[in-house]
C-alpha cells in the first residue's frame, strides 16, 4: 500500500514503471495481434491465450496479465492496419511497429525515444552511454513527483529494460554498446505516422525528411 500523498502523485503523473514487468514482449504481441486479426473479441483473445498458455509462462496469472498488457498496447496504436502489419510484415518491420505501440502506451518510453534517442539522431551524435540514460531519469525525477518516489531498484530495472528495447530494435548492437546504429523507418509505420500528423515521433526512428512530411 502507498500513502495518500504518494497516491496523489501517482494519479497526477503520466508515468508508470509497468515496463519493469512487461518489457518489449515481441512474441507475445505477435501472438495477441494474430488472434485479434482472426476476429476474436478482447475477452476471447485473453481467454484463448490463457487456456492454451500461448505465452508459455509458468502461471495462469502471469499469462493473463501479459495478455491484457498486449491488448492495451494494440489499442494504444488505434490502428487496425498496424495490428495486421505486426502479423503480416517481416520481423524487423513488426518489431518497429511494436516499439511504436510501446511508445504510445507508456509515456516513459515515448519521452525516452524522443528526447534521448531522437535528439541524438537529430544532432548526428551516435554516442550512447550510461550518462545519457542517467540524465534522462534525473530530469524526470526533478519534474515529476511520482517518478521521484521510485526506488533505485526500480530505476535501475527501467534503465535495463530501455536498453534491451533498443537492442531488440537494432538501435544498439548489445546492452553494453556505446554507439547508436543508423536505424531506418519502415514504410508501413512511416505512412501511418505521417497520416496522423505525428511528425515529432519521426525523430525516434531517425527520420528527418521534412519535404515528404510537409
N, C-alpha and C. Protein backbone atom coordinates (compact mmCIF):
# COMPACT_ATOMS: atom_id res chain seq x y z
N UNK A 1 0.84 -1.20 0.00
CA UNK A 1 0.00 0.00 0.00
C UNK A 1 0.87 1.25 0.00
N UNK A 2 0.42 2.28 -0.70
CA UNK A 2 1.15 3.54 -0.68
C UNK A 2 0.32 4.58 0.05
N UNK A 3 1.01 5.59 0.62
CA UNK A 3 0.32 6.63 1.36
C UNK A 3 -0.50 7.53 0.47
N UNK A 4 -1.33 8.37 1.11
CA UNK A 4 -2.21 9.27 0.34
C UNK A 4 -1.42 10.23 -0.52
N UNK A 5 -0.32 10.76 0.04
CA UNK A 5 0.48 11.71 -0.72
C UNK A 5 1.08 11.06 -1.97
N UNK A 6 1.63 9.87 -1.78
CA UNK A 6 2.22 9.16 -2.91
C UNK A 6 1.15 8.78 -3.93
N UNK A 7 -0.02 8.39 -3.45
CA UNK A 7 -1.11 8.04 -4.36
C UNK A 7 -1.53 9.24 -5.19
N UNK A 8 -1.57 10.41 -4.57
CA UNK A 8 -1.93 11.63 -5.29
C UNK A 8 -0.89 11.92 -6.38
N UNK A 9 0.38 11.73 -6.05
CA UNK A 9 1.44 11.94 -7.03
C UNK A 9 1.32 10.94 -8.18
N UNK A 10 1.03 9.69 -7.85
CA UNK A 10 0.87 8.66 -8.87
C UNK A 10 -0.29 8.98 -9.80
N UNK A 11 -1.41 9.38 -9.22
CA UNK A 11 -2.60 9.67 -10.01
C UNK A 11 -2.41 10.87 -10.93
N UNK A 12 -1.55 11.81 -10.50
CA UNK A 12 -1.32 13.03 -11.28
C UNK A 12 -0.23 12.86 -12.34
N UNK A 13 0.50 11.75 -12.27
CA UNK A 13 1.65 11.56 -13.15
C UNK A 13 1.29 10.81 -14.42
N UNK A 14 1.89 11.18 -15.55
CA UNK A 14 1.69 10.41 -16.78
C UNK A 14 2.60 9.20 -16.86
N UNK A 15 3.47 9.05 -15.87
CA UNK A 15 4.48 7.99 -15.90
C UNK A 15 4.13 6.82 -14.98
N UNK A 16 4.55 5.63 -15.40
CA UNK A 16 4.49 4.47 -14.53
C UNK A 16 5.67 3.56 -14.85
N UNK A 17 5.90 2.59 -13.97
CA UNK A 17 7.06 1.70 -14.13
C UNK A 17 6.65 0.31 -14.62
N UNK A 18 5.53 0.23 -15.33
CA UNK A 18 4.99 -1.07 -15.74
C UNK A 18 5.95 -1.87 -16.61
N UNK A 19 6.82 -1.19 -17.35
CA UNK A 19 7.70 -1.93 -18.25
C UNK A 19 8.75 -2.75 -17.51
N UNK A 20 8.89 -2.55 -16.20
CA UNK A 20 9.78 -3.43 -15.45
C UNK A 20 9.25 -4.86 -15.47
N UNK A 21 7.93 -4.99 -15.58
CA UNK A 21 7.29 -6.31 -15.67
C UNK A 21 7.00 -6.70 -17.12
N UNK A 22 6.55 -5.75 -17.89
CA UNK A 22 6.01 -6.08 -19.21
C UNK A 22 7.06 -6.11 -20.32
N UNK A 23 8.03 -5.24 -20.28
CA UNK A 23 9.14 -5.22 -21.23
C UNK A 23 8.66 -5.16 -22.68
N UNK A 24 9.45 -5.68 -23.62
CA UNK A 24 9.12 -5.47 -25.04
C UNK A 24 8.06 -6.43 -25.56
N UNK A 25 8.14 -7.70 -25.18
CA UNK A 25 7.08 -8.68 -25.46
C UNK A 25 6.79 -8.88 -26.95
N UNK A 26 7.82 -9.00 -27.78
CA UNK A 26 7.56 -9.12 -29.21
C UNK A 26 6.78 -10.39 -29.57
N UNK A 27 7.21 -11.54 -29.07
CA UNK A 27 6.49 -12.79 -29.36
C UNK A 27 5.04 -12.70 -28.87
N UNK A 28 4.87 -12.17 -27.68
CA UNK A 28 3.54 -12.06 -27.10
C UNK A 28 2.66 -11.10 -27.91
N UNK A 29 3.25 -10.01 -28.39
CA UNK A 29 2.49 -9.05 -29.20
C UNK A 29 2.05 -9.66 -30.52
N UNK A 30 2.93 -10.41 -31.15
CA UNK A 30 2.57 -11.07 -32.41
C UNK A 30 1.45 -12.09 -32.19
N UNK A 31 1.58 -12.85 -31.12
CA UNK A 31 0.57 -13.87 -30.81
C UNK A 31 -0.79 -13.22 -30.57
N UNK A 32 -0.80 -12.14 -29.80
CA UNK A 32 -2.05 -11.43 -29.49
C UNK A 32 -2.63 -10.79 -30.73
N UNK A 33 -1.78 -10.14 -31.52
CA UNK A 33 -2.25 -9.48 -32.75
C UNK A 33 -2.87 -10.49 -33.71
N UNK A 34 -2.30 -11.68 -33.78
CA UNK A 34 -2.83 -12.70 -34.68
C UNK A 34 -4.26 -13.08 -34.29
N UNK A 35 -4.51 -13.24 -33.01
CA UNK A 35 -5.84 -13.59 -32.54
C UNK A 35 -6.83 -12.45 -32.78
N UNK A 36 -6.36 -11.21 -32.58
CA UNK A 36 -7.21 -10.04 -32.85
C UNK A 36 -7.59 -10.02 -34.33
N UNK A 37 -6.62 -10.29 -35.19
CA UNK A 37 -6.88 -10.27 -36.63
C UNK A 37 -7.80 -11.41 -37.07
N UNK A 38 -7.89 -12.45 -36.26
CA UNK A 38 -8.80 -13.55 -36.56
C UNK A 38 -10.24 -13.22 -36.17
N UNK A 39 -10.43 -12.05 -35.58
CA UNK A 39 -11.78 -11.58 -35.28
C UNK A 39 -12.26 -11.86 -33.87
N UNK A 40 -11.40 -12.35 -33.01
CA UNK A 40 -11.80 -12.62 -31.63
C UNK A 40 -11.95 -11.30 -30.86
N UNK A 41 -12.88 -11.30 -29.91
CA UNK A 41 -13.03 -10.12 -29.04
C UNK A 41 -11.87 -10.08 -28.06
N UNK A 42 -11.73 -8.98 -27.35
CA UNK A 42 -10.64 -8.86 -26.39
C UNK A 42 -10.72 -9.94 -25.32
N UNK A 43 -11.92 -10.18 -24.83
CA UNK A 43 -12.10 -11.22 -23.81
C UNK A 43 -11.75 -12.59 -24.37
N UNK A 44 -12.16 -12.84 -25.60
CA UNK A 44 -11.86 -14.13 -26.23
C UNK A 44 -10.37 -14.31 -26.46
N UNK A 45 -9.72 -13.23 -26.85
CA UNK A 45 -8.26 -13.29 -27.05
C UNK A 45 -7.56 -13.65 -25.75
N UNK A 46 -7.92 -12.94 -24.68
CA UNK A 46 -7.29 -13.19 -23.39
C UNK A 46 -7.54 -14.63 -22.93
N UNK A 47 -8.78 -15.09 -23.08
CA UNK A 47 -9.10 -16.45 -22.64
C UNK A 47 -8.36 -17.51 -23.46
N UNK A 48 -8.26 -17.27 -24.76
CA UNK A 48 -7.55 -18.21 -25.64
C UNK A 48 -6.09 -18.31 -25.24
N UNK A 49 -5.48 -17.16 -24.98
CA UNK A 49 -4.06 -17.14 -24.60
C UNK A 49 -3.85 -17.86 -23.27
N UNK A 50 -4.76 -17.63 -22.34
CA UNK A 50 -4.64 -18.26 -21.01
C UNK A 50 -4.90 -19.77 -21.09
N UNK A 51 -5.99 -20.15 -21.73
CA UNK A 51 -6.38 -21.56 -21.78
C UNK A 51 -5.33 -22.44 -22.47
N UNK A 52 -4.73 -21.89 -23.54
CA UNK A 52 -3.74 -22.67 -24.29
C UNK A 52 -2.31 -22.33 -23.87
N UNK A 53 -2.18 -21.44 -22.90
CA UNK A 53 -0.86 -20.96 -22.43
C UNK A 53 0.04 -20.62 -23.62
N UNK A 54 -0.47 -19.79 -24.49
CA UNK A 54 0.25 -19.46 -25.72
C UNK A 54 1.54 -18.69 -25.47
N UNK A 55 1.67 -18.08 -24.30
CA UNK A 55 2.91 -17.37 -23.99
C UNK A 55 3.94 -18.27 -23.31
N UNK A 56 3.49 -19.48 -22.95
CA UNK A 56 4.40 -20.46 -22.32
C UNK A 56 4.97 -19.95 -21.00
N UNK A 57 4.12 -19.30 -20.22
CA UNK A 57 4.52 -18.81 -18.91
C UNK A 57 4.18 -19.86 -17.85
N UNK A 58 4.82 -19.77 -16.68
CA UNK A 58 4.61 -20.79 -15.64
C UNK A 58 3.27 -20.72 -14.91
N UNK A 59 2.65 -19.53 -14.85
CA UNK A 59 1.39 -19.41 -14.11
C UNK A 59 0.30 -18.75 -14.95
N UNK A 60 -0.93 -19.13 -14.68
CA UNK A 60 -2.07 -18.55 -15.39
C UNK A 60 -2.16 -17.04 -15.14
N UNK A 61 -1.87 -16.63 -13.91
CA UNK A 61 -1.94 -15.22 -13.56
C UNK A 61 -0.98 -14.38 -14.40
N UNK A 62 0.23 -14.88 -14.59
CA UNK A 62 1.22 -14.13 -15.38
C UNK A 62 0.82 -14.08 -16.85
N UNK A 63 0.25 -15.17 -17.35
CA UNK A 63 -0.20 -15.21 -18.74
C UNK A 63 -1.30 -14.17 -18.96
N UNK A 64 -2.27 -14.15 -18.07
CA UNK A 64 -3.39 -13.21 -18.21
C UNK A 64 -2.91 -11.75 -18.15
N UNK A 65 -2.01 -11.47 -17.22
CA UNK A 65 -1.51 -10.10 -17.09
C UNK A 65 -0.83 -9.63 -18.38
N UNK A 66 -0.01 -10.50 -18.96
CA UNK A 66 0.70 -10.10 -20.17
C UNK A 66 -0.23 -10.04 -21.38
N UNK A 67 -1.24 -10.91 -21.41
CA UNK A 67 -2.21 -10.86 -22.50
C UNK A 67 -2.94 -9.52 -22.48
N UNK A 68 -3.35 -9.09 -21.30
CA UNK A 68 -4.04 -7.81 -21.17
C UNK A 68 -3.11 -6.64 -21.49
N UNK A 69 -1.84 -6.77 -21.11
CA UNK A 69 -0.86 -5.73 -21.43
C UNK A 69 -0.70 -5.59 -22.94
N UNK A 70 -0.63 -6.72 -23.64
CA UNK A 70 -0.50 -6.69 -25.10
C UNK A 70 -1.74 -6.09 -25.76
N UNK A 71 -2.90 -6.42 -25.26
CA UNK A 71 -4.13 -5.84 -25.80
C UNK A 71 -4.17 -4.34 -25.62
N UNK A 72 -3.69 -3.87 -24.46
CA UNK A 72 -3.65 -2.43 -24.22
C UNK A 72 -2.70 -1.73 -25.20
N UNK A 73 -1.59 -2.36 -25.48
CA UNK A 73 -0.64 -1.76 -26.43
C UNK A 73 -1.22 -1.70 -27.84
N UNK A 74 -1.87 -2.77 -28.25
CA UNK A 74 -2.50 -2.75 -29.57
C UNK A 74 -3.57 -1.67 -29.64
N UNK A 75 -4.34 -1.53 -28.58
CA UNK A 75 -5.36 -0.48 -28.52
C UNK A 75 -4.74 0.91 -28.58
N UNK A 76 -3.58 1.05 -27.94
CA UNK A 76 -2.92 2.37 -27.87
C UNK A 76 -2.55 2.88 -29.25
N UNK A 77 -2.30 1.97 -30.20
CA UNK A 77 -1.98 2.42 -31.56
C UNK A 77 -3.20 2.97 -32.26
N UNK A 78 -4.38 2.44 -31.91
CA UNK A 78 -5.61 2.92 -32.52
C UNK A 78 -5.65 2.73 -34.02
N UNK A 79 -5.07 1.64 -34.51
CA UNK A 79 -4.97 1.46 -35.95
C UNK A 79 -4.98 -0.04 -36.30
N UNK A 80 -6.04 -0.46 -36.94
CA UNK A 80 -6.19 -1.87 -37.31
C UNK A 80 -5.13 -2.31 -38.30
N UNK A 81 -4.72 -1.39 -39.21
CA UNK A 81 -3.72 -1.75 -40.22
C UNK A 81 -2.38 -2.07 -39.57
N UNK A 82 -2.03 -1.33 -38.53
CA UNK A 82 -0.77 -1.60 -37.85
C UNK A 82 -0.82 -2.91 -37.07
N UNK A 83 -1.97 -3.22 -36.52
CA UNK A 83 -2.13 -4.51 -35.84
C UNK A 83 -1.93 -5.65 -36.83
N UNK A 84 -2.52 -5.51 -38.00
CA UNK A 84 -2.36 -6.53 -39.04
C UNK A 84 -0.91 -6.63 -39.49
N UNK A 85 -0.23 -5.49 -39.56
CA UNK A 85 1.16 -5.47 -40.01
C UNK A 85 2.07 -6.22 -39.05
N UNK A 86 1.75 -6.19 -37.75
CA UNK A 86 2.55 -6.93 -36.78
C UNK A 86 2.53 -8.43 -37.09
N UNK A 87 1.43 -8.88 -37.66
CA UNK A 87 1.28 -10.30 -38.01
C UNK A 87 1.85 -10.59 -39.39
N UNK A 88 1.62 -9.70 -40.36
CA UNK A 88 1.90 -9.99 -41.76
C UNK A 88 3.29 -9.56 -42.23
N UNK A 89 3.85 -8.54 -41.62
CA UNK A 89 5.12 -7.99 -42.10
C UNK A 89 6.32 -8.76 -41.56
N UNK A 90 7.49 -8.62 -42.20
CA UNK A 90 8.72 -9.24 -41.69
C UNK A 90 9.00 -8.79 -40.26
N UNK A 91 9.80 -9.56 -39.55
CA UNK A 91 10.00 -9.30 -38.12
C UNK A 91 10.59 -7.92 -37.83
N UNK A 92 11.48 -7.42 -38.69
CA UNK A 92 12.07 -6.11 -38.42
C UNK A 92 11.02 -5.00 -38.49
N UNK A 93 10.11 -5.13 -39.43
CA UNK A 93 9.01 -4.16 -39.56
C UNK A 93 8.05 -4.31 -38.38
N UNK A 94 7.69 -5.54 -38.08
CA UNK A 94 6.76 -5.80 -36.98
C UNK A 94 7.32 -5.32 -35.65
N UNK A 95 8.61 -5.51 -35.43
CA UNK A 95 9.23 -5.04 -34.19
C UNK A 95 9.15 -3.52 -34.06
N UNK A 96 9.39 -2.83 -35.16
CA UNK A 96 9.35 -1.37 -35.11
C UNK A 96 7.94 -0.89 -34.80
N UNK A 97 6.95 -1.56 -35.33
CA UNK A 97 5.56 -1.21 -35.03
C UNK A 97 5.26 -1.50 -33.56
N UNK A 98 5.79 -2.60 -33.05
CA UNK A 98 5.60 -2.92 -31.63
C UNK A 98 6.28 -1.88 -30.73
N UNK A 99 7.40 -1.35 -31.18
CA UNK A 99 8.06 -0.28 -30.43
C UNK A 99 7.17 0.96 -30.41
N UNK A 100 6.59 1.29 -31.55
CA UNK A 100 5.67 2.42 -31.63
C UNK A 100 4.49 2.22 -30.69
N UNK A 101 3.96 0.98 -30.64
CA UNK A 101 2.84 0.67 -29.74
C UNK A 101 3.27 0.88 -28.29
N UNK A 102 4.48 0.45 -27.98
CA UNK A 102 5.01 0.62 -26.63
C UNK A 102 5.16 2.10 -26.28
N UNK A 103 5.60 2.89 -27.24
CA UNK A 103 5.72 4.33 -27.03
C UNK A 103 4.35 4.96 -26.77
N UNK A 104 3.36 4.53 -27.54
CA UNK A 104 2.02 5.09 -27.39
C UNK A 104 1.41 4.72 -26.04
N UNK A 105 1.74 3.54 -25.54
CA UNK A 105 1.15 3.06 -24.29
C UNK A 105 1.84 3.64 -23.07
N UNK A 106 3.15 3.85 -23.16
CA UNK A 106 3.92 4.27 -21.98
C UNK A 106 4.62 5.61 -22.22
N UNK A 107 4.21 6.61 -21.48
CA UNK A 107 4.81 7.94 -21.64
C UNK A 107 6.33 7.90 -21.39
N UNK A 108 6.75 7.03 -20.48
CA UNK A 108 8.17 6.90 -20.19
C UNK A 108 8.95 6.52 -21.44
N UNK A 109 8.46 5.54 -22.19
CA UNK A 109 9.13 5.09 -23.40
C UNK A 109 9.05 6.17 -24.47
N UNK A 110 7.90 6.81 -24.58
CA UNK A 110 7.71 7.90 -25.54
C UNK A 110 8.75 8.99 -25.32
N UNK A 111 8.85 9.47 -24.10
CA UNK A 111 9.78 10.55 -23.80
C UNK A 111 11.23 10.13 -24.02
N UNK A 112 11.55 8.91 -23.62
CA UNK A 112 12.92 8.43 -23.79
C UNK A 112 13.29 8.36 -25.27
N UNK A 113 12.41 7.82 -26.08
CA UNK A 113 12.72 7.67 -27.51
C UNK A 113 12.82 9.02 -28.22
N UNK A 114 12.00 9.99 -27.79
CA UNK A 114 12.05 11.30 -28.44
C UNK A 114 13.16 12.19 -27.91
N UNK A 115 13.27 12.28 -26.58
CA UNK A 115 14.19 13.26 -26.00
C UNK A 115 15.63 12.77 -25.86
N UNK A 116 15.80 11.46 -25.83
CA UNK A 116 17.17 10.92 -25.74
C UNK A 116 17.61 10.39 -27.10
N UNK A 117 16.96 9.34 -27.58
CA UNK A 117 17.36 8.72 -28.83
C UNK A 117 17.13 9.65 -30.03
N UNK A 118 15.94 10.23 -30.11
CA UNK A 118 15.64 11.11 -31.22
C UNK A 118 16.55 12.32 -31.28
N UNK A 119 16.85 12.90 -30.14
CA UNK A 119 17.75 14.05 -30.11
C UNK A 119 19.17 13.68 -30.50
N UNK A 120 19.58 12.48 -30.17
CA UNK A 120 20.89 12.01 -30.60
C UNK A 120 20.97 11.98 -32.13
N UNK A 121 19.94 11.41 -32.75
CA UNK A 121 19.92 11.35 -34.20
C UNK A 121 19.84 12.76 -34.81
N UNK A 122 19.05 13.62 -34.19
CA UNK A 122 18.89 14.98 -34.71
C UNK A 122 20.23 15.72 -34.73
N UNK A 123 21.02 15.48 -33.70
CA UNK A 123 22.32 16.16 -33.57
C UNK A 123 23.46 15.40 -34.24
N UNK A 124 23.13 14.32 -34.93
CA UNK A 124 24.14 13.47 -35.58
C UNK A 124 25.17 12.98 -34.57
N UNK A 125 24.70 12.70 -33.37
CA UNK A 125 25.55 12.23 -32.29
C UNK A 125 25.23 10.76 -32.04
N UNK A 126 26.10 9.87 -32.48
CA UNK A 126 25.81 8.44 -32.36
C UNK A 126 26.30 7.85 -31.04
N UNK A 127 26.90 8.65 -30.20
CA UNK A 127 27.36 8.13 -28.91
C UNK A 127 26.16 7.83 -28.01
N UNK A 128 26.30 6.80 -27.21
CA UNK A 128 25.23 6.44 -26.28
C UNK A 128 25.86 5.83 -25.05
N UNK A 129 25.60 6.43 -23.91
CA UNK A 129 26.27 5.97 -22.70
C UNK A 129 25.31 5.91 -21.52
N UNK A 130 25.81 5.36 -20.45
CA UNK A 130 25.08 5.30 -19.19
C UNK A 130 24.67 6.70 -18.74
N UNK A 131 25.51 7.67 -19.02
CA UNK A 131 25.23 9.05 -18.61
C UNK A 131 23.96 9.57 -19.28
N UNK A 132 23.77 9.24 -20.56
CA UNK A 132 22.58 9.70 -21.28
C UNK A 132 21.30 9.19 -20.60
N UNK A 133 21.31 7.93 -20.20
CA UNK A 133 20.15 7.34 -19.55
C UNK A 133 19.98 7.91 -18.13
N UNK A 134 21.09 8.05 -17.43
CA UNK A 134 21.05 8.63 -16.07
C UNK A 134 20.46 10.03 -16.10
N UNK A 135 20.90 10.84 -17.04
CA UNK A 135 20.42 12.22 -17.14
C UNK A 135 18.93 12.27 -17.47
N UNK A 136 18.46 11.33 -18.28
CA UNK A 136 17.04 11.27 -18.60
C UNK A 136 16.23 11.05 -17.33
N UNK A 137 16.63 10.09 -16.51
CA UNK A 137 15.89 9.81 -15.28
C UNK A 137 16.06 10.91 -14.24
N UNK A 138 17.22 11.52 -14.19
CA UNK A 138 17.42 12.64 -13.26
C UNK A 138 16.46 13.78 -13.60
N UNK A 139 16.31 14.06 -14.89
CA UNK A 139 15.40 15.12 -15.33
C UNK A 139 13.96 14.77 -15.01
N UNK A 140 13.59 13.49 -15.20
CA UNK A 140 12.23 13.06 -14.89
C UNK A 140 11.94 13.22 -13.40
N UNK A 141 12.88 12.84 -12.57
CA UNK A 141 12.68 12.94 -11.12
C UNK A 141 12.53 14.38 -10.67
N UNK A 142 13.19 15.29 -11.35
CA UNK A 142 13.11 16.70 -11.00
C UNK A 142 11.74 17.30 -11.35
N UNK A 143 11.16 16.83 -12.45
CA UNK A 143 9.90 17.43 -12.90
C UNK A 143 8.65 16.66 -12.47
N UNK A 144 8.81 15.42 -12.01
CA UNK A 144 7.64 14.60 -11.67
C UNK A 144 7.81 13.98 -10.30
N UNK A 145 6.91 14.32 -9.39
CA UNK A 145 6.99 13.85 -8.02
C UNK A 145 6.84 12.35 -7.88
N UNK A 146 6.02 11.74 -8.74
CA UNK A 146 5.83 10.31 -8.65
C UNK A 146 7.10 9.56 -9.06
N UNK A 147 7.73 9.99 -10.12
CA UNK A 147 8.99 9.37 -10.53
C UNK A 147 10.04 9.52 -9.43
N UNK A 148 10.03 10.68 -8.76
CA UNK A 148 10.98 10.92 -7.67
C UNK A 148 10.79 9.94 -6.52
N UNK A 149 9.60 9.34 -6.41
CA UNK A 149 9.31 8.37 -5.35
C UNK A 149 9.82 6.97 -5.67
N UNK A 150 10.17 6.73 -6.92
CA UNK A 150 10.58 5.39 -7.31
C UNK A 150 11.90 5.01 -6.64
N UNK A 151 12.03 3.75 -6.28
CA UNK A 151 13.26 3.27 -5.64
C UNK A 151 14.39 3.17 -6.66
N UNK A 152 15.60 3.14 -6.16
CA UNK A 152 16.76 2.99 -7.04
C UNK A 152 16.71 1.64 -7.76
N UNK A 153 16.14 0.64 -7.10
CA UNK A 153 15.99 -0.67 -7.73
C UNK A 153 15.08 -0.59 -8.95
N UNK A 154 13.97 0.14 -8.79
CA UNK A 154 13.03 0.32 -9.91
C UNK A 154 13.69 1.09 -11.05
N UNK A 155 14.38 2.18 -10.72
CA UNK A 155 15.05 2.98 -11.74
C UNK A 155 16.09 2.14 -12.48
N UNK A 156 16.85 1.36 -11.74
CA UNK A 156 17.87 0.51 -12.36
C UNK A 156 17.24 -0.48 -13.33
N UNK A 157 16.12 -1.08 -12.92
CA UNK A 157 15.44 -2.04 -13.79
C UNK A 157 14.89 -1.36 -15.04
N UNK A 158 14.34 -0.17 -14.89
CA UNK A 158 13.82 0.58 -16.04
C UNK A 158 14.94 0.89 -17.04
N UNK A 159 16.08 1.26 -16.54
CA UNK A 159 17.23 1.54 -17.42
C UNK A 159 17.62 0.29 -18.19
N UNK A 160 17.61 -0.85 -17.52
CA UNK A 160 17.95 -2.11 -18.17
C UNK A 160 16.94 -2.45 -19.27
N UNK A 161 15.66 -2.26 -18.97
CA UNK A 161 14.61 -2.58 -19.94
C UNK A 161 14.71 -1.68 -21.16
N UNK A 162 14.94 -0.39 -20.96
CA UNK A 162 15.05 0.53 -22.08
C UNK A 162 16.23 0.17 -22.98
N UNK A 163 17.34 -0.21 -22.40
CA UNK A 163 18.49 -0.64 -23.19
C UNK A 163 18.15 -1.90 -23.99
N UNK A 164 17.46 -2.84 -23.36
CA UNK A 164 17.08 -4.08 -24.04
C UNK A 164 16.14 -3.79 -25.20
N UNK A 165 15.23 -2.83 -25.01
CA UNK A 165 14.32 -2.45 -26.09
C UNK A 165 15.11 -1.91 -27.28
N UNK A 166 16.13 -1.12 -27.01
CA UNK A 166 16.97 -0.58 -28.09
C UNK A 166 17.72 -1.70 -28.80
N UNK A 167 18.18 -2.69 -28.05
CA UNK A 167 18.88 -3.83 -28.65
C UNK A 167 17.93 -4.62 -29.54
N UNK A 168 16.72 -4.88 -29.04
CA UNK A 168 15.75 -5.69 -29.79
C UNK A 168 15.30 -5.01 -31.07
N UNK A 169 15.48 -3.70 -31.15
CA UNK A 169 15.09 -2.96 -32.35
C UNK A 169 16.30 -2.45 -33.14
N UNK A 170 17.46 -3.02 -32.85
CA UNK A 170 18.70 -2.75 -33.59
C UNK A 170 19.21 -1.32 -33.48
N UNK A 171 18.81 -0.59 -32.44
CA UNK A 171 19.41 0.71 -32.18
C UNK A 171 20.80 0.53 -31.58
N UNK A 172 20.95 -0.55 -30.80
CA UNK A 172 22.23 -0.89 -30.19
C UNK A 172 22.60 -2.32 -30.55
N UNK A 173 23.88 -2.58 -30.68
CA UNK A 173 24.34 -3.93 -31.01
C UNK A 173 24.11 -4.88 -29.85
N UNK A 174 24.35 -4.41 -28.62
CA UNK A 174 24.10 -5.20 -27.42
C UNK A 174 23.90 -4.24 -26.26
N UNK A 175 23.61 -4.76 -25.08
CA UNK A 175 23.27 -3.91 -23.94
C UNK A 175 24.45 -3.07 -23.46
N UNK A 176 25.65 -3.43 -23.86
CA UNK A 176 26.83 -2.67 -23.45
C UNK A 176 27.36 -1.74 -24.53
N UNK A 177 26.65 -1.69 -25.67
CA UNK A 177 27.10 -0.87 -26.80
C UNK A 177 27.11 0.62 -26.44
N UNK A 178 28.02 1.34 -27.05
CA UNK A 178 28.16 2.78 -26.78
C UNK A 178 27.93 3.62 -28.04
N UNK A 179 27.42 2.98 -29.10
CA UNK A 179 27.13 3.69 -30.35
C UNK A 179 25.74 3.33 -30.84
N UNK A 180 24.98 4.34 -31.23
CA UNK A 180 23.67 4.10 -31.83
C UNK A 180 23.84 3.72 -33.29
N UNK A 181 23.08 2.73 -33.72
CA UNK A 181 23.09 2.34 -35.12
C UNK A 181 22.16 3.24 -35.93
N UNK A 182 22.39 3.39 -37.24
CA UNK A 182 21.54 4.22 -38.09
C UNK A 182 20.28 3.48 -38.53
N UNK A 183 19.27 3.39 -37.66
CA UNK A 183 18.04 2.68 -37.99
C UNK A 183 17.28 3.38 -39.11
N UNK A 184 16.44 2.61 -39.79
CA UNK A 184 15.62 3.15 -40.88
C UNK A 184 14.14 2.90 -40.57
N UNK A 185 13.33 3.91 -40.77
CA UNK A 185 11.89 3.80 -40.53
C UNK A 185 11.23 3.06 -41.67
N UNK A 186 10.49 1.99 -41.35
CA UNK A 186 9.83 1.23 -42.41
C UNK A 186 8.65 2.02 -42.99
N UNK A 187 8.31 1.72 -44.24
CA UNK A 187 7.29 2.48 -44.96
C UNK A 187 5.90 2.33 -44.36
N UNK A 188 5.60 1.15 -43.83
CA UNK A 188 4.26 0.91 -43.27
C UNK A 188 4.01 1.85 -42.10
N UNK A 189 4.93 1.90 -41.17
CA UNK A 189 4.78 2.75 -39.99
C UNK A 189 4.91 4.22 -40.36
N UNK A 190 5.83 4.52 -41.27
CA UNK A 190 6.03 5.91 -41.68
C UNK A 190 4.74 6.51 -42.23
N UNK A 191 4.06 5.79 -43.09
CA UNK A 191 2.82 6.30 -43.69
C UNK A 191 1.76 6.58 -42.63
N UNK A 192 1.66 5.70 -41.64
CA UNK A 192 0.66 5.89 -40.60
C UNK A 192 0.99 7.08 -39.71
N UNK A 193 2.26 7.24 -39.38
CA UNK A 193 2.68 8.37 -38.53
C UNK A 193 2.44 9.69 -39.25
N UNK A 194 2.78 9.74 -40.54
CA UNK A 194 2.58 10.97 -41.32
C UNK A 194 1.10 11.26 -41.48
N UNK A 195 0.30 10.22 -41.73
CA UNK A 195 -1.15 10.40 -41.89
C UNK A 195 -1.77 10.96 -40.61
N UNK A 196 -1.21 10.58 -39.46
CA UNK A 196 -1.72 11.07 -38.17
C UNK A 196 -1.17 12.45 -37.82
N UNK A 197 -0.25 12.93 -38.64
CA UNK A 197 0.39 14.22 -38.39
C UNK A 197 1.19 14.20 -37.07
N UNK A 198 1.79 13.05 -36.77
CA UNK A 198 2.63 12.90 -35.58
C UNK A 198 4.10 13.10 -35.92
N UNK A 199 4.40 14.22 -36.57
CA UNK A 199 5.74 14.44 -37.10
C UNK A 199 6.83 14.37 -36.02
N UNK A 200 6.50 14.76 -34.81
CA UNK A 200 7.51 14.77 -33.76
C UNK A 200 8.00 13.38 -33.42
N UNK A 201 7.22 12.34 -33.76
CA UNK A 201 7.61 10.97 -33.46
C UNK A 201 8.72 10.49 -34.39
N UNK A 202 8.80 11.06 -35.56
CA UNK A 202 9.72 10.58 -36.58
C UNK A 202 11.17 10.57 -36.13
N UNK A 203 11.55 11.52 -35.28
CA UNK A 203 12.95 11.58 -34.84
C UNK A 203 13.37 10.31 -34.10
N UNK A 204 12.42 9.69 -33.42
CA UNK A 204 12.72 8.47 -32.66
C UNK A 204 13.13 7.32 -33.58
N UNK A 205 12.77 7.45 -34.86
CA UNK A 205 13.10 6.42 -35.84
C UNK A 205 14.12 6.92 -36.86
N UNK A 206 14.84 7.98 -36.48
CA UNK A 206 15.92 8.51 -37.31
C UNK A 206 15.42 8.96 -38.68
N UNK A 207 14.26 9.61 -38.68
CA UNK A 207 13.67 10.05 -39.94
C UNK A 207 13.48 11.56 -39.93
N UNK A 208 14.07 12.23 -40.95
CA UNK A 208 14.07 13.70 -40.97
C UNK A 208 13.75 14.26 -42.34
N UNK A 209 13.02 13.53 -43.15
CA UNK A 209 12.69 14.01 -44.48
C UNK A 209 11.53 15.00 -44.39
N UNK A 210 11.86 16.25 -44.15
CA UNK A 210 10.86 17.29 -43.94
C UNK A 210 9.98 17.49 -45.16
N UNK A 211 10.56 17.43 -46.35
CA UNK A 211 9.80 17.67 -47.57
C UNK A 211 8.66 16.65 -47.72
N UNK A 212 8.96 15.42 -47.41
CA UNK A 212 7.94 14.37 -47.56
C UNK A 212 6.82 14.53 -46.56
N UNK A 213 7.14 15.03 -45.37
CA UNK A 213 6.12 15.12 -44.33
C UNK A 213 5.40 16.45 -44.33
N UNK A 214 5.81 17.38 -45.16
CA UNK A 214 5.19 18.72 -45.18
C UNK A 214 3.78 18.64 -45.76
